[in-house]
Protein backbone atom coordinates (compact mmCIF):
# COMPACT_ATOMS: atom_id res chain seq x y z
CA MET A 1 259.41 267.83 339.97
CA CYS A 2 259.11 271.61 338.65
CA ARG A 3 261.43 272.47 340.98
CA THR A 4 264.13 270.02 340.26
CA LEU A 5 263.59 270.80 336.36
CA ASP A 6 263.88 274.77 337.28
CA LYS A 7 267.32 273.81 339.05
CA ALA A 8 268.69 272.03 335.98
CA GLY A 9 267.66 274.73 333.81
CA VAL A 10 264.98 272.90 331.77
CA PRO A 11 263.22 275.50 329.85
CA THR A 12 259.66 276.10 330.98
CA ASP A 13 258.53 275.41 327.24
CA GLN A 14 255.78 272.89 327.73
CA LYS A 15 257.46 270.27 325.24
CA TRP A 16 260.76 269.82 326.99
CA ARG A 17 259.24 269.21 330.28
CA THR A 18 256.74 266.82 328.95
CA LEU A 19 259.50 264.99 326.64
CA ILE A 20 261.84 264.63 330.13
CA LEU A 21 259.20 263.67 332.34
CA TYR A 22 257.79 261.28 329.98
CA MET A 23 261.52 259.78 329.73
CA ARG A 24 261.58 259.53 333.26
CA SER A 25 258.19 257.49 333.58
CA LEU A 26 259.29 254.94 331.20
CA ARG A 27 261.97 253.43 334.04
CA GLU A 28 258.57 251.98 335.00
CA TYR A 29 257.30 250.43 332.22
CA THR A 30 257.68 246.43 332.36
CA THR A 31 257.70 246.04 328.94
CA LEU A 32 261.12 247.49 328.05
CA THR A 33 264.28 245.76 329.00
CA ASP A 34 266.98 246.73 331.55
CA SER A 35 268.86 247.89 328.38
CA GLN A 36 266.63 250.48 327.24
CA LYS A 37 265.42 252.02 330.55
CA SER A 38 269.27 252.22 331.47
CA ALA A 39 269.70 254.12 327.94
CA ILE A 40 266.50 256.44 328.26
CA GLN A 41 267.53 257.73 331.60
CA ASN A 42 271.40 258.14 330.64
CA LEU A 43 269.77 260.32 327.69
CA VAL A 44 267.56 262.30 330.16
CA LEU A 45 271.02 263.21 331.99
CA GLU A 46 273.06 263.53 329.04
CA ALA A 47 270.01 266.38 328.13
CA LEU A 48 270.22 267.67 331.99
CA ARG A 49 274.15 268.22 331.68
CA LYS A 50 274.66 269.63 328.21
CA LYS A 51 271.79 272.39 328.64
CA GLU A 52 271.51 272.60 324.72
CA PHE A 53 267.62 273.03 324.86
CA THR A 54 267.00 273.88 320.92
CA ASP A 55 264.78 272.68 318.45
CA ALA A 56 267.66 270.59 316.92
CA GLU A 57 268.59 269.03 320.19
CA PHE A 58 265.07 268.43 320.74
CA GLN A 59 264.36 266.18 317.71
CA ARG A 60 267.70 264.12 318.24
CA ILE A 61 266.31 263.44 321.65
CA ILE A 62 263.12 262.20 320.33
CA GLN A 63 265.11 260.39 317.34
CA ARG A 64 267.24 258.68 319.78
CA LYS A 65 264.47 257.72 321.98
CA GLN A 66 262.94 256.09 319.20
CA ASP A 67 265.93 254.14 318.52
CA ILE A 68 266.52 252.70 321.74
CA LEU A 69 262.67 251.87 322.14
CA GLY A 70 262.52 250.08 319.05
CA GLU A 71 266.03 248.30 320.01
CA PRO A 72 264.36 244.73 320.65
CA CYS A 73 262.37 244.81 317.19
CA ASN A 74 265.79 245.57 315.48
CA ASP A 75 267.22 242.65 317.11
CA ARG A 76 264.74 240.12 316.33
CA LEU A 77 265.31 241.54 312.58
CA LYS A 78 269.04 241.26 312.71
CA MET A 79 268.26 237.64 314.10
CA ALA A 80 265.61 236.80 311.31
CA LEU A 81 268.16 238.45 308.44
CA ALA A 82 271.01 236.31 309.86
CA GLU A 83 268.81 233.19 309.82
CA THR A 84 267.68 233.75 306.50
CA MET A 85 271.45 234.47 304.87
CA ALA A 86 272.12 231.16 306.46
CA LEU A 87 269.57 229.29 304.85
CA VAL A 88 270.13 230.79 301.56
CA GLU A 89 273.81 230.13 301.64
CA GLU A 90 272.59 226.56 302.65
CA PHE A 91 270.16 226.21 299.99
CA SER A 92 272.73 227.87 297.43
CA ALA A 93 275.17 225.27 298.13
CA LEU A 94 272.36 222.08 298.19
CA VAL A 95 271.38 223.71 294.56
CA THR A 96 274.87 223.29 293.15
CA THR A 97 275.51 220.01 294.62
CA ARG A 98 272.26 218.74 293.45
CA LYS A 99 272.77 220.17 289.77
CA ASP A 100 276.03 218.33 289.45
CA ASP A 101 274.13 214.83 290.91
CA VAL A 102 271.78 215.62 288.18
CA LEU A 103 274.20 216.01 285.32
CA GLU A 104 276.03 212.77 286.58
CA LEU A 105 272.38 211.15 286.52
CA GLY A 106 272.07 212.01 282.96
CA GLN A 107 275.34 210.93 281.74
CA ARG A 108 274.90 207.76 284.01
CA THR A 109 271.58 207.34 281.84
CA VAL A 110 272.96 207.63 278.74
CA GLU A 111 275.76 205.30 279.48
CA ALA A 112 273.52 202.86 280.74
CA LEU A 113 271.23 203.11 277.38
CA GLU A 114 274.45 202.80 274.94
CA SER A 115 275.50 199.65 277.01
CA GLY A 116 273.26 197.61 275.25
CA ALA A 117 272.68 196.00 278.29
CA ASP A 118 269.46 193.79 279.42
CA PRO A 119 266.66 195.96 279.37
CA LEU A 120 265.00 195.06 282.80
CA GLU A 121 268.43 195.20 284.27
CA LEU A 122 269.01 198.52 282.67
CA VAL A 123 265.68 199.90 284.11
CA GLY A 124 266.35 198.68 287.14
CA LYS A 125 270.00 200.60 287.45
CA ILE A 126 268.05 203.76 286.05
CA LYS A 127 265.69 203.73 288.71
CA ALA A 128 267.90 203.24 291.25
CA SER A 129 269.82 206.14 290.09
CA PHE A 130 266.82 208.42 290.32
CA LYS A 131 265.73 207.13 293.49
CA ALA A 132 269.38 208.10 295.46
CA VAL A 133 268.90 211.66 293.78
CA VAL A 134 265.40 211.70 294.99
CA ASP A 135 266.43 210.80 298.26
CA ALA A 136 268.94 213.18 298.81
CA MET A 137 266.90 216.00 297.84
CA GLU A 138 264.18 214.93 300.12
CA GLY A 139 267.18 214.82 302.78
CA ASP A 140 268.10 218.48 301.57
CA VAL A 141 264.44 219.50 302.08
CA CYS A 142 264.14 218.19 305.82
CA HIS A 143 267.71 219.85 306.61
CA LEU A 144 267.07 223.23 305.29
CA ARG A 145 263.65 222.84 307.40
CA GLU A 146 265.35 222.21 310.51
CA MET A 147 267.54 225.05 309.67
CA SER A 148 264.72 227.24 309.55
CA TYR A 149 263.51 226.42 313.10
CA THR A 150 267.00 226.88 314.72
CA ASP A 151 268.47 229.91 316.43
CA ALA A 152 271.85 230.60 313.94
CA LEU A 153 273.99 231.60 316.89
CA THR A 154 273.15 229.00 320.01
CA GLY A 155 271.64 226.23 317.86
CA ILE A 156 268.61 225.60 320.10
CA GLY A 157 264.89 226.84 318.44
CA ASN A 158 264.22 229.98 317.22
CA ARG A 159 261.35 232.37 317.61
CA ARG A 160 259.32 230.50 314.76
CA ALA A 161 259.99 227.20 316.40
CA PHE A 162 258.91 228.83 319.94
CA ASP A 163 255.56 230.34 318.64
CA GLU A 164 254.73 226.87 317.12
CA CYS A 165 255.40 225.15 320.29
CA MET A 166 253.22 227.50 322.12
CA GLU A 167 250.51 227.06 319.86
CA GLU A 168 250.60 223.14 320.20
CA VAL A 169 250.83 223.88 324.15
CA VAL A 170 247.56 225.69 324.09
CA ARG A 171 246.13 222.91 321.94
CA LEU A 172 246.96 219.95 323.92
CA TRP A 173 245.98 221.86 327.40
CA GLN A 174 242.61 223.00 325.48
CA GLU A 175 241.79 219.38 324.06
CA GLN A 176 243.69 217.21 326.63
CA THR A 177 244.27 219.45 329.59
CA VAL A 178 247.73 218.49 329.61
CA PRO A 179 249.36 220.60 332.08
CA SER A 180 252.34 222.68 330.78
CA CYS A 181 254.38 225.42 331.72
CA LEU A 182 256.60 228.53 330.33
CA VAL A 183 259.64 229.90 331.48
CA MET A 184 261.00 233.07 330.37
CA PHE A 185 264.85 233.61 331.13
CA ASP A 186 266.93 237.06 330.74
CA ILE A 187 270.83 237.27 331.08
CA ASP A 188 271.22 239.94 334.13
CA HIS A 189 273.15 242.90 333.15
CA PHE A 190 273.85 241.43 329.76
CA LYS A 191 274.23 245.07 328.34
CA ASP A 192 277.31 245.77 330.92
CA PHE A 193 278.60 242.49 329.84
CA ASN A 194 278.95 243.44 326.22
CA ASP A 195 280.16 246.70 327.02
CA THR A 196 282.77 245.31 328.95
CA TYR A 197 283.66 242.29 326.97
CA GLY A 198 282.29 242.97 323.57
CA HIS A 199 280.20 241.29 321.24
CA ARG A 200 282.20 238.30 320.58
CA ILE A 201 281.90 237.36 324.10
CA GLY A 202 278.22 238.44 324.36
CA ASP A 203 277.73 235.86 321.73
CA HIS A 204 279.77 233.05 323.68
CA ALA A 205 277.62 234.03 326.76
CA LEU A 206 274.57 233.54 324.61
CA THR A 207 275.51 230.25 323.27
CA VAL A 208 276.74 228.91 326.88
CA VAL A 209 273.52 230.13 328.49
CA GLY A 210 271.60 228.00 325.13
CA ARG A 211 273.50 224.98 325.72
CA ILE A 212 272.81 224.82 329.17
CA LEU A 213 269.30 225.11 328.84
CA MET A 214 268.73 222.88 325.67
CA THR A 215 271.08 219.76 327.57
CA TYR A 216 268.90 220.10 330.83
CA GLY A 217 265.85 220.15 328.61
CA GLU A 218 266.88 217.12 326.74
CA LYS A 219 268.11 215.34 330.16
CA ILE A 220 265.18 215.57 331.95
CA ALA A 221 262.20 215.14 329.23
CA PRO A 222 262.03 211.23 329.67
CA LEU A 223 261.52 211.93 333.47
CA LEU A 224 258.56 214.76 332.70
CA ALA A 225 256.92 211.91 330.16
CA GLY A 226 256.94 215.04 327.64
CA PRO A 227 258.95 217.25 325.63
CA CYS A 228 260.79 220.13 327.39
CA ARG A 229 262.64 222.46 324.91
CA ALA A 230 264.80 225.53 325.04
CA PHE A 231 264.25 228.53 322.83
CA ARG A 232 266.15 231.66 322.07
CA TYR A 233 263.00 234.24 322.38
CA GLY A 234 265.15 237.62 321.51
CA GLY A 235 268.37 239.11 322.40
CA GLU A 236 269.29 238.06 325.90
CA GLU A 237 265.91 236.32 326.68
CA PHE A 238 265.16 232.54 326.22
CA ALA A 239 262.40 230.38 327.04
CA MET A 240 261.57 226.74 328.03
CA ILE A 241 258.40 225.07 327.44
CA PHE A 242 257.61 222.27 330.04
CA GLN A 243 255.01 219.80 328.57
CA ASN A 244 252.97 217.55 330.89
CA ALA A 245 254.64 219.05 334.15
CA SER A 246 253.02 220.93 337.27
CA GLN A 247 253.92 224.37 337.97
CA GLU A 248 255.75 222.96 340.88
CA GLN A 249 258.11 220.78 339.06
CA VAL A 250 258.54 223.36 336.66
CA LEU A 251 259.62 226.04 339.47
CA MET A 252 262.15 223.32 340.85
CA HIS A 253 263.85 222.68 337.35
CA ALA A 254 263.70 226.81 336.45
CA ASP A 255 265.53 227.04 339.89
CA ALA A 256 268.30 224.23 339.10
CA LEU A 257 268.76 225.94 335.57
CA ARG A 258 269.41 229.06 337.08
CA SER A 259 271.97 227.59 339.86
CA ALA A 260 273.70 226.01 336.80
CA VAL A 261 274.12 228.84 334.77
CA LYS A 262 275.48 230.76 337.98
CA LYS A 263 278.16 227.89 338.66
CA HIS A 264 279.04 227.33 334.86
CA PRO A 265 282.42 229.43 334.58
CA LEU A 266 282.72 231.27 331.70
CA ILE A 267 285.63 231.32 330.11
CA ILE A 268 286.72 234.36 328.03
CA ARG A 269 289.44 233.72 325.14
CA ASP A 270 291.33 236.60 322.90
CA PRO A 271 290.68 235.96 319.14
CA ALA A 272 293.98 233.80 319.24
CA GLY A 273 292.36 231.42 321.48
CA GLY A 274 294.03 232.29 324.61
CA VAL A 275 292.36 232.57 327.66
CA VAL A 276 291.82 236.41 329.05
CA ASP A 277 289.73 235.16 332.34
CA SER A 278 288.40 231.79 333.52
CA SER A 279 286.70 233.10 336.88
CA ARG A 280 283.88 235.23 335.10
CA HIS A 281 280.71 233.97 335.61
CA ILE A 282 277.05 235.00 334.46
CA THR A 283 273.28 234.85 336.10
CA VAL A 284 269.85 234.80 334.94
CA SER A 285 266.33 235.49 336.23
CA ALA A 286 263.71 233.70 335.46
CA GLY A 287 259.59 233.86 335.27
CA VAL A 288 257.57 230.85 335.41
CA ALA A 289 253.63 230.98 334.50
CA SER A 290 251.33 228.21 333.74
CA LEU A 291 247.91 228.56 331.73
CA GLN A 292 245.03 229.58 333.55
CA PRO A 293 241.55 228.47 333.51
CA TYR A 294 239.79 232.01 333.47
CA TRP A 295 241.90 233.38 330.42
CA LYS A 296 240.54 233.98 327.42
CA SER A 297 242.00 234.06 323.80
CA PRO A 298 244.52 234.55 322.84
CA LEU A 299 245.89 232.32 325.48
CA VAL A 300 249.85 232.28 323.78
CA ALA A 301 249.68 235.83 324.60
CA HIS A 302 248.20 235.69 328.01
CA LEU A 303 250.73 233.14 328.80
CA ILE A 304 253.84 235.00 327.59
CA ASP A 305 252.68 238.07 329.29
CA ALA A 306 252.49 236.10 332.50
CA ALA A 307 255.88 234.59 332.35
CA ASP A 308 257.29 238.12 331.37
CA GLY A 309 255.64 239.40 334.47
CA ALA A 310 256.88 237.27 336.71
CA LEU A 311 260.45 237.51 335.27
CA TYR A 312 260.23 241.24 335.33
CA ARG A 313 259.24 240.85 339.56
CA ALA A 314 262.49 238.28 339.69
CA LYS A 315 264.38 241.28 338.12
CA GLN A 316 263.09 243.78 340.60
CA ALA A 317 263.60 241.68 343.71
CA GLY A 318 267.31 241.47 342.73
CA ARG A 319 267.78 239.31 340.11
CA ASP A 320 269.51 235.92 339.84
CA ARG A 321 266.32 234.62 341.24
CA VAL A 322 263.24 232.81 339.86
CA VAL A 323 259.41 234.19 340.56
CA VAL A 324 256.23 232.54 339.72
CA TYR A 325 253.21 233.86 338.06
CA THR A 326 250.42 234.96 340.96
CA PRO A 327 247.17 235.26 339.43
CA PRO A 328 245.12 238.40 340.21
CA PRO A 329 241.75 238.79 341.24
CA GLU A 330 239.40 238.44 337.96
CA ASP A 331 236.69 240.80 337.06
CA PRO A 332 233.41 239.52 335.93
CA SER A 333 234.34 238.90 332.70
CA GLY A 334 237.43 236.65 333.49
CA THR A 335 239.96 239.15 332.37
CA PRO A 336 242.85 239.58 334.98
CA LEU A 337 242.60 242.72 336.90
CA SER A 338 246.23 244.46 336.27
């Protein structure tokens, strides 16, 4: 490796060699997405091509590396901000509407009092008016709560809804031994897709995948005698939680979903609605995991890591496939060996 760096003209300065070797090693990190790994490796190649080994360039590369590593967090922050803005706008509209309702209620109350109607009839009308406004406001609260648990782009459950559902899954498993599984899906080569078609079409692809997962979950939930919910976990990654289902059943359903996404034609349209391409297809990779009896708290984190690890192996094996988490040997403390 040192000879390779010598040929590339990398100075013997320890900081440059350490940085480049470290960035090359990041391609083996299972916690990074494919797009992150690709961006880091492109950054390495760019540095070797430019051969500009100055302090300023060193700091630029360090900053860019940090930006790349922080992209998933930034994406989740953007999602959260988008959902928050949608809630704020909805709340503002509801406040304006209910303000008008309350003013109208006050006017109707004054008119009723001035009408000289029978007192009992009068009280009944006022109570009915107040009840109508209260019922409408309670409906508003339910609507806002639903929005706070919905991904603004795809219309399926968001990360907040996913976290709460996972806690419930673990509780039921501990208290009633209800079998449950987690499937993590990731759109293959999504960065390349975005780079080719732009973010508008990328958002459309995310919406299509979300709709396929949600529709399938609603269809099979009665057959499983338990909920089957889809969530947008973050970026191009989705999750499905199957409750009251064995790992064998979930593996079958996960592969059926993978096939459904692959067969679904993604119609690409221009801003005016004209069809640009109707032959494009996307694929997903998936990792399946179920709760293991030897795991210790936090069980939610263990389950997510297990499904993520299986997803990573699916992508390493060539993508467009489903891989099931295989429990490794455990040490005497009951903790899985890595």
